[in-house]
Amino acid sequence: MNTIKFAEKGNEVTIYPYVVFVNESNIHLKNNIIISEFAWIHGGIKTLIGNFIHISSYSSIVGGGVCILEDFVGLSAGVRVITGSELIKGEGLTNPTIPHKFRAVTRSFVHLEKHSFIASDVIIHPGVTVGEGAVIGSNSVVSKDIEPWTINVGSPTKQVGERNPDNILKLQDKLYKEYPIEIYDVNPYLKLKVTQSFIPDVT
């Protein structure tokens, strides 16, 4: 693991065996992170993994776009974060064995704001922002933005409840004071939240 050249790697970062990183030079790891066995993470255009993050076993970040996990985000086992995809209406040939000039793809983003919690086997599609403190229940499919501090389940996901932020935010402030870490500026990453499509020339 010492041979991997991340864009940035903070303190207290635990990476278990059998984790796969692709395009790791675009992966920013902050502090107090655990990435469990058999996770698969693509750096894409840019991948930010903030402070106090757990990415559980068999989770993946794929698609080649931008992924932003702000502080205190949790990805449970088997979560699929998709930041880009093939275009499938006939615009080009599909799958990564095809040379780039023949493929039609879209590169987008997924943004998980602070304290969002993603339960097991959730799929998050490109172009989605999960608001601060939101919870996504197991086996849900997320294809649109999720409101902050809501509880959501289903395929497609629907809001079924709300979450009280008061204690969580108080504990966050207390933790930041007791464990002094660099509070980074997320804005440069947010500027990368665009969706671009690339279509081959057939002339």
C-alpha atoms as a PDB file:
ATOM      1  CA  MET A   1       0.000   0.000   0.000  1.00  0.00           C
ATOM      2  CA  ASN A   2       2.977   2.303   0.521  1.00  0.00           C
ATOM      3  CA  THR A   3       3.658   2.283  -3.224  1.00  0.00           C
ATOM      4  CA  ILE A   4       0.304   3.902  -4.035  1.00  0.00           C
ATOM      5  CA  LYS A   5       0.723   7.583  -4.914  1.00  0.00           C
ATOM      6  CA  PHE A   6      -2.433   9.349  -3.819  1.00  0.00           C
ATOM      7  CA  ALA A   7      -2.944  13.027  -4.546  1.00  0.00           C
ATOM      8  CA  GLU A   8      -3.073  13.471  -0.772  1.00  0.00           C
ATOM      9  CA  LYS A   9      -3.120  11.215   2.280  1.00  0.00           C
ATOM     10  CA  GLY A  10      -3.736  12.470   5.807  1.00  0.00           C
ATOM     11  CA  ASN A  11      -3.338  10.862   9.217  1.00  0.00           C
ATOM     12  CA  GLU A  12      -5.009   7.789  10.646  1.00  0.00           C
ATOM     13  CA  VAL A  13      -5.914   6.304   7.278  1.00  0.00           C
ATOM     14  CA  THR A  14      -6.507   2.555   7.484  1.00  0.00           C
ATOM     15  CA  ILE A  15      -6.725   0.635   4.229  1.00  0.00           C
ATOM     16  CA  TYR A  16      -7.424  -3.069   4.595  1.00  0.00           C
ATOM     17  CA  PRO A  17      -6.105  -5.730   2.178  1.00  0.00           C
ATOM     18  CA  TYR A  18      -7.659  -6.351  -1.218  1.00  0.00           C
ATOM     19  CA  VAL A  19      -8.809  -2.772  -1.770  1.00  0.00           C
ATOM     20  CA  VAL A  20      -8.386  -1.704  -5.401  1.00  0.00           C
ATOM     21  CA  PHE A  21      -7.568   1.880  -6.380  1.00  0.00           C
ATOM     22  CA  VAL A  22      -7.673   3.099  -9.986  1.00  0.00           C
ATOM     23  CA  ASN A  23      -6.275   6.476 -11.046  1.00  0.00           C
ATOM     24  CA  GLU A  24      -5.149   6.968  -7.452  1.00  0.00           C
ATOM     25  CA  SER A  25      -3.295  10.183  -8.311  1.00  0.00           C
ATOM     26  CA  ASN A  26      -6.729  11.867  -8.333  1.00  0.00           C
ATOM     27  CA  ILE A  27      -7.776  10.505  -4.933  1.00  0.00           C
ATOM     28  CA  HIS A  28      -7.576  12.856  -1.935  1.00  0.00           C
ATOM     29  CA  LEU A  29      -7.690  11.122   1.448  1.00  0.00           C
ATOM     30  CA  LYS A  30      -8.090  13.397   4.466  1.00  0.00           C
ATOM     31  CA  ASN A  31      -7.917  12.063   8.050  1.00  0.00           C
ATOM     32  CA  ASN A  32      -9.419   9.271  10.156  1.00  0.00           C
ATOM     33  CA  ILE A  33     -10.545   7.067   7.287  1.00  0.00           C
ATOM     34  CA  ILE A  34     -11.206   3.329   7.166  1.00  0.00           C
ATOM     35  CA  ILE A  35     -11.529   1.573   3.812  1.00  0.00           C
ATOM     36  CA  SER A  36     -12.494  -2.056   4.328  1.00  0.00           C
ATOM     37  CA  GLU A  37     -11.662  -5.197   2.349  1.00  0.00           C
ATOM     38  CA  PHE A  38     -12.677  -5.585  -1.288  1.00  0.00           C
ATOM     39  CA  ALA A  39     -13.675  -1.963  -1.838  1.00  0.00           C
ATOM     40  CA  TRP A  40     -13.013  -0.601  -5.354  1.00  0.00           C
ATOM     41  CA  ILE A  41     -12.344   3.109  -5.790  1.00  0.00           C
ATOM     42  CA  HIS A  42     -11.763   4.984  -9.054  1.00  0.00           C
ATOM     43  CA  GLY A  43     -10.112   8.388  -8.812  1.00  0.00           C
ATOM     44  CA  GLY A  44     -11.935   9.572 -11.936  1.00  0.00           C
ATOM     45  CA  ILE A  45     -11.688  13.302 -12.538  1.00  0.00           C
ATOM     46  CA  LYS A  46     -11.382  13.826  -8.770  1.00  0.00           C
ATOM     47  CA  THR A  47     -12.332  11.818  -5.684  1.00  0.00           C
ATOM     48  CA  LEU A  48     -12.398  13.455  -2.259  1.00  0.00           C
ATOM     49  CA  ILE A  49     -12.714  11.296   0.847  1.00  0.00           C
ATOM     50  CA  GLY A  50     -13.004  13.643   3.811  1.00  0.00           C
ATOM     51  CA  ASN A  51     -12.461  13.259   7.564  1.00  0.00           C
ATOM     52  CA  PHE A  52     -13.982  10.475   9.673  1.00  0.00           C
ATOM     53  CA  ILE A  53     -15.144   8.373   6.731  1.00  0.00           C
ATOM     54  CA  HIS A  54     -15.840   4.647   6.572  1.00  0.00           C
ATOM     55  CA  ILE A  55     -16.124   2.866   3.228  1.00  0.00           C
ATOM     56  CA  SER A  56     -17.275  -0.636   4.003  1.00  0.00           C
ATOM     57  CA  SER A  57     -16.481  -3.954   2.332  1.00  0.00           C
ATOM     58  CA  TYR A  58     -17.571  -4.553  -1.258  1.00  0.00           C
ATOM     59  CA  SER A  59     -18.431  -0.910  -1.854  1.00  0.00           C
ATOM     60  CA  SER A  60     -17.337   0.845  -5.019  1.00  0.00           C
ATOM     61  CA  ILE A  61     -16.887   4.299  -6.508  1.00  0.00           C
ATOM     62  CA  VAL A  62     -16.946   3.985 -10.295  1.00  0.00           C
ATOM     63  CA  GLY A  63     -17.676   5.921 -13.468  1.00  0.00           C
ATOM     64  CA  GLY A  64     -14.701   8.203 -13.936  1.00  0.00           C
ATOM     65  CA  GLY A  65     -16.382  11.420 -12.801  1.00  0.00           C
ATOM     66  CA  VAL A  66     -16.196  13.428  -9.568  1.00  0.00           C
ATOM     67  CA  CYS A  67     -16.968  11.922  -6.161  1.00  0.00           C
ATOM     68  CA  ILE A  68     -17.150  14.074  -3.032  1.00  0.00           C
ATOM     69  CA  LEU A  69     -17.571  12.435   0.370  1.00  0.00           C
ATOM     70  CA  GLU A  70     -17.661  15.150   2.999  1.00  0.00           C
ATOM     71  CA  ASP A  71     -16.825  14.551   6.679  1.00  0.00           C
ATOM     72  CA  PHE A  72     -18.631  11.826   8.662  1.00  0.00           C
ATOM     73  CA  VAL A  73     -20.053  10.052   5.611  1.00  0.00           C
ATOM     74  CA  GLY A  74     -20.583   6.312   5.909  1.00  0.00           C
ATOM     75  CA  LEU A  75     -20.868   3.855   3.037  1.00  0.00           C
ATOM     76  CA  SER A  76     -22.184   0.500   4.236  1.00  0.00           C
ATOM     77  CA  ALA A  77     -21.398  -2.856   2.640  1.00  0.00           C
ATOM     78  CA  GLY A  78     -22.073  -3.161  -1.065  1.00  0.00           C
ATOM     79  CA  VAL A  79     -22.828   0.483  -1.831  1.00  0.00           C
ATOM     80  CA  ARG A  80     -22.399   1.486  -5.494  1.00  0.00           C
ATOM     81  CA  VAL A  81     -21.534   5.115  -6.169  1.00  0.00           C
ATOM     82  CA  ILE A  82     -21.670   5.792  -9.923  1.00  0.00           C
ATOM     83  CA  THR A  83     -20.166   9.073 -11.149  1.00  0.00           C
ATOM     84  CA  GLY A  84     -20.422   8.462 -14.896  1.00  0.00           C
ATOM     85  CA  SER A  85     -21.849   6.019 -17.393  1.00  0.00           C
ATOM     86  CA  GLU A  86     -22.037   4.827 -20.959  1.00  0.00           C
ATOM     87  CA  LEU A  87     -24.643   6.500 -23.187  1.00  0.00           C
ATOM     88  CA  ILE A  88     -26.911   3.674 -24.276  1.00  0.00           C
ATOM     89  CA  LYS A  89     -29.287   5.080 -26.939  1.00  0.00           C
ATOM     90  CA  GLY A  90     -26.953   4.295 -29.820  1.00  0.00           C
ATOM     91  CA  GLU A  91     -24.524   7.196 -29.523  1.00  0.00           C
ATOM     92  CA  GLY A  92     -21.471   4.945 -29.480  1.00  0.00           C
ATOM     93  CA  LEU A  93     -20.002   1.574 -28.659  1.00  0.00           C
ATOM     94  CA  THR A  94     -20.137   0.474 -25.040  1.00  0.00           C
ATOM     95  CA  ASN A  95     -17.667  -1.033 -22.571  1.00  0.00           C
ATOM     96  CA  PRO A  96     -14.112  -0.137 -21.579  1.00  0.00           C
ATOM     97  CA  THR A  97     -12.424  -2.452 -24.079  1.00  0.00           C
ATOM     98  CA  ILE A  98     -13.481  -0.031 -26.861  1.00  0.00           C
ATOM     99  CA  PRO A  99     -11.017   2.736 -27.857  1.00  0.00           C
ATOM    100  CA  HIS A 100     -12.111   6.091 -26.442  1.00  0.00           C
ATOM    101  CA  LYS A 101     -12.885   7.698 -29.800  1.00  0.00           C
ATOM    102  CA  PHE A 102     -15.588   5.078 -30.439  1.00  0.00           C
ATOM    103  CA  ARG A 103     -17.252   5.277 -27.011  1.00  0.00           C
ATOM    104  CA  ALA A 104     -20.067   7.567 -25.912  1.00  0.00           C
ATOM    105  CA  VAL A 105     -19.904   8.357 -22.218  1.00  0.00           C
ATOM    106  CA  THR A 106     -21.089  10.892 -19.711  1.00  0.00           C
ATOM    107  CA  ARG A 107     -18.886  12.048 -16.851  1.00  0.00           C
ATOM    108  CA  SER A 108     -20.759  13.523 -13.927  1.00  0.00           C
ATOM    109  CA  PHE A 109     -20.542  13.583 -10.124  1.00  0.00           C
ATOM    110  CA  VAL A 110     -21.903  12.252  -6.862  1.00  0.00           C
ATOM    111  CA  HIS A 111     -21.776  14.514  -3.798  1.00  0.00           C
ATOM    112  CA  LEU A 112     -22.487  13.145  -0.323  1.00  0.00           C
ATOM    113  CA  GLU A 113     -22.679  15.996   2.158  1.00  0.00           C
ATOM    114  CA  LYS A 114     -21.630  15.817   5.833  1.00  0.00           C
ATOM    115  CA  HIS A 115     -23.207  13.120   8.016  1.00  0.00           C
ATOM    116  CA  SER A 116     -25.053  11.428   5.181  1.00  0.00           C
ATOM    117  CA  PHE A 117     -25.381   7.707   5.856  1.00  0.00           C
ATOM    118  CA  ILE A 118     -25.761   5.189   3.042  1.00  0.00           C
ATOM    119  CA  ALA A 119     -26.997   1.754   4.124  1.00  0.00           C
ATOM    120  CA  SER A 120     -26.050  -1.551   2.516  1.00  0.00           C
ATOM    121  CA  ASP A 121     -26.476  -2.286  -1.183  1.00  0.00           C
ATOM    122  CA  VAL A 122     -27.623   1.213  -2.154  1.00  0.00           C
ATOM    123  CA  ILE A 123     -27.017   2.393  -5.739  1.00  0.00           C
ATOM    124  CA  ILE A 124     -26.398   6.115  -6.282  1.00  0.00           C
ATOM    125  CA  HIS A 125     -26.617   7.291  -9.879  1.00  0.00           C
ATOM    126  CA  PRO A 126     -24.618  10.113 -11.523  1.00  0.00           C
ATOM    127  CA  GLY A 127     -25.546  13.746 -10.985  1.00  0.00           C
ATOM    128  CA  VAL A 128     -26.905  13.270  -7.457  1.00  0.00           C
ATOM    129  CA  THR A 129     -26.306  15.290  -4.291  1.00  0.00           C
ATOM    130  CA  VAL A 130     -27.302  13.640  -1.017  1.00  0.00           C
ATOM    131  CA  GLY A 131     -27.964  16.444   1.430  1.00  0.00           C
ATOM    132  CA  GLU A 132     -26.343  16.884   4.820  1.00  0.00           C
ATOM    133  CA  GLY A 133     -27.405  14.270   7.344  1.00  0.00           C
ATOM    134  CA  ALA A 134     -29.637  12.348   4.964  1.00  0.00           C
ATOM    135  CA  VAL A 135     -30.067   8.592   5.355  1.00  0.00           C
ATOM    136  CA  ILE A 136     -30.612   6.173   2.473  1.00  0.00           C
ATOM    137  CA  GLY A 137     -32.052   2.793   3.479  1.00  0.00           C
ATOM    138  CA  SER A 138     -30.764  -0.583   2.286  1.00  0.00           C
ATOM    139  CA  ASN A 139     -31.326  -1.654  -1.328  1.00  0.00           C
ATOM    140  CA  SER A 140     -32.498   1.798  -2.399  1.00  0.00           C
ATOM    141  CA  VAL A 141     -31.810   3.357  -5.800  1.00  0.00           C
ATOM    142  CA  VAL A 142     -31.004   7.073  -5.755  1.00  0.00           C
ATOM    143  CA  SER A 143     -31.417   8.933  -9.047  1.00  0.00           C
ATOM    144  CA  LYS A 144     -32.310  12.432  -7.821  1.00  0.00           C
ATOM    145  CA  ASP A 145     -31.110  14.857  -5.157  1.00  0.00           C
ATOM    146  CA  ILE A 146     -31.951  14.016  -1.546  1.00  0.00           C
ATOM    147  CA  GLU A 147     -33.043  16.691   0.930  1.00  0.00           C
ATOM    148  CA  PRO A 148     -30.894  17.288   4.039  1.00  0.00           C
ATOM    149  CA  TRP A 149     -31.725  15.427   7.264  1.00  0.00           C
ATOM    150  CA  THR A 150     -34.297  13.163   5.649  1.00  0.00           C
ATOM    151  CA  ILE A 151     -34.698   9.388   5.794  1.00  0.00           C
ATOM    152  CA  ASN A 152     -35.266   7.774   2.400  1.00  0.00           C
ATOM    153  CA  VAL A 153     -35.935   4.258   1.145  1.00  0.00           C
ATOM    154  CA  GLY A 154     -37.043   2.461  -1.995  1.00  0.00           C
ATOM    155  CA  SER A 155     -36.388   2.054  -5.693  1.00  0.00           C
ATOM    156  CA  PRO A 156     -36.716   4.837  -6.693  1.00  0.00           C
ATOM    157  CA  THR A 157     -36.024   6.277  -3.277  1.00  0.00           C
ATOM    158  CA  LYS A 158     -38.750   8.207  -1.437  1.00  0.00           C
ATOM    159  CA  GLN A 159     -38.666  10.214   1.760  1.00  0.00           C
ATOM    160  CA  VAL A 160     -40.224   8.351   4.698  1.00  0.00           C
ATOM    161  CA  GLY A 161     -39.038  10.389   7.662  1.00  0.00           C
ATOM    162  CA  GLU A 162     -36.776  13.037   9.094  1.00  0.00           C
ATOM    163  CA  ARG A 163     -33.670  13.030  11.259  1.00  0.00           C
ATOM    164  CA  ASN A 164     -32.985  15.426  14.139  1.00  0.00           C
ATOM    165  CA  PRO A 165     -29.653  17.190  13.542  1.00  0.00           C
ATOM    166  CA  ASP A 166     -29.284  18.868  16.942  1.00  0.00           C
ATOM    167  CA  ASN A 167     -27.242  16.263  18.825  1.00  0.00           C
ATOM    168  CA  ILE A 168     -25.279  15.272  15.738  1.00  0.00           C
ATOM    169  CA  LEU A 169     -24.073  18.822  15.116  1.00  0.00           C
ATOM    170  CA  LYS A 170     -23.225  19.345  18.792  1.00  0.00           C
ATOM    171  CA  LEU A 171     -21.189  16.135  18.817  1.00  0.00           C
ATOM    172  CA  GLN A 172     -19.512  17.168  15.557  1.00  0.00           C
ATOM    173  CA  ASP A 173     -18.349  20.453  17.112  1.00  0.00           C
ATOM    174  CA  LYS A 174     -17.120  18.685  20.247  1.00  0.00           C
ATOM    175  CA  LEU A 175     -15.205  16.115  18.196  1.00  0.00           C
ATOM    176  CA  TYR A 176     -13.548  18.788  16.042  1.00  0.00           C
ATOM    177  CA  LYS A 177     -12.330  20.494  19.230  1.00  0.00           C
ATOM    178  CA  GLU A 178     -10.985  17.304  20.818  1.00  0.00           C
ATOM    179  CA  TYR A 179      -9.391  15.958  17.628  1.00  0.00           C
ATOM    180  CA  PRO A 180      -7.878  18.995  15.918  1.00  0.00           C
ATOM    181  CA  ILE A 181      -7.624  18.359  12.211  1.00  0.00           C
ATOM    182  CA  GLU A 182      -7.358  20.614   9.220  1.00  0.00           C
ATOM    183  CA  ILE A 183     -10.794  21.825   8.170  1.00  0.00           C
ATOM    184  CA  TYR A 184     -10.439  21.806   4.409  1.00  0.00           C
ATOM    185  CA  ASP A 185     -12.219  23.999   1.884  1.00  0.00           C
ATOM    186  CA  VAL A 186     -14.654  21.869  -0.105  1.00  0.00           C
ATOM    187  CA  ASN A 187     -15.425  24.621  -2.649  1.00  0.00           C
ATOM    188  CA  PRO A 188     -12.657  23.723  -5.148  1.00  0.00           C
ATOM    189  CA  TYR A 189     -14.168  20.237  -5.374  1.00  0.00           C
ATOM    190  CA  LEU A 190     -17.704  21.567  -5.727  1.00  0.00           C
ATOM    191  CA  LYS A 191     -16.637  23.573  -8.776  1.00  0.00           C
ATOM    192  CA  LEU A 192     -15.995  20.258 -10.523  1.00  0.00           C
ATOM    193  CA  LYS A 193     -19.657  19.220 -10.210  1.00  0.00           C
ATOM    194  CA  VAL A 194     -20.544  19.294 -13.883  1.00  0.00           C
ATOM    195  CA  THR A 195     -21.909  16.751 -16.329  1.00  0.00           C
ATOM    196  CA  GLN A 196     -20.248  16.367 -19.714  1.00  0.00           C
ATOM    197  CA  SER A 197     -21.045  13.953 -22.512  1.00  0.00           C
ATOM    198  CA  PHE A 198     -18.542  12.700 -25.071  1.00  0.00           C
ATOM    199  CA  ILE A 199     -19.950  11.386 -28.341  1.00  0.00           C
ATOM    200  CA  PRO A 200     -17.855   9.882 -31.154  1.00  0.00           C
ATOM    201  CA  ASP A 201     -17.679  11.416 -34.614  1.00  0.00           C
ATOM    202  CA  VAL A 202     -19.254   9.039 -37.150  1.00  0.00           C
ATOM    203  CA  THR A 203     -18.610  11.199 -40.241  1.00  0.00           C
END
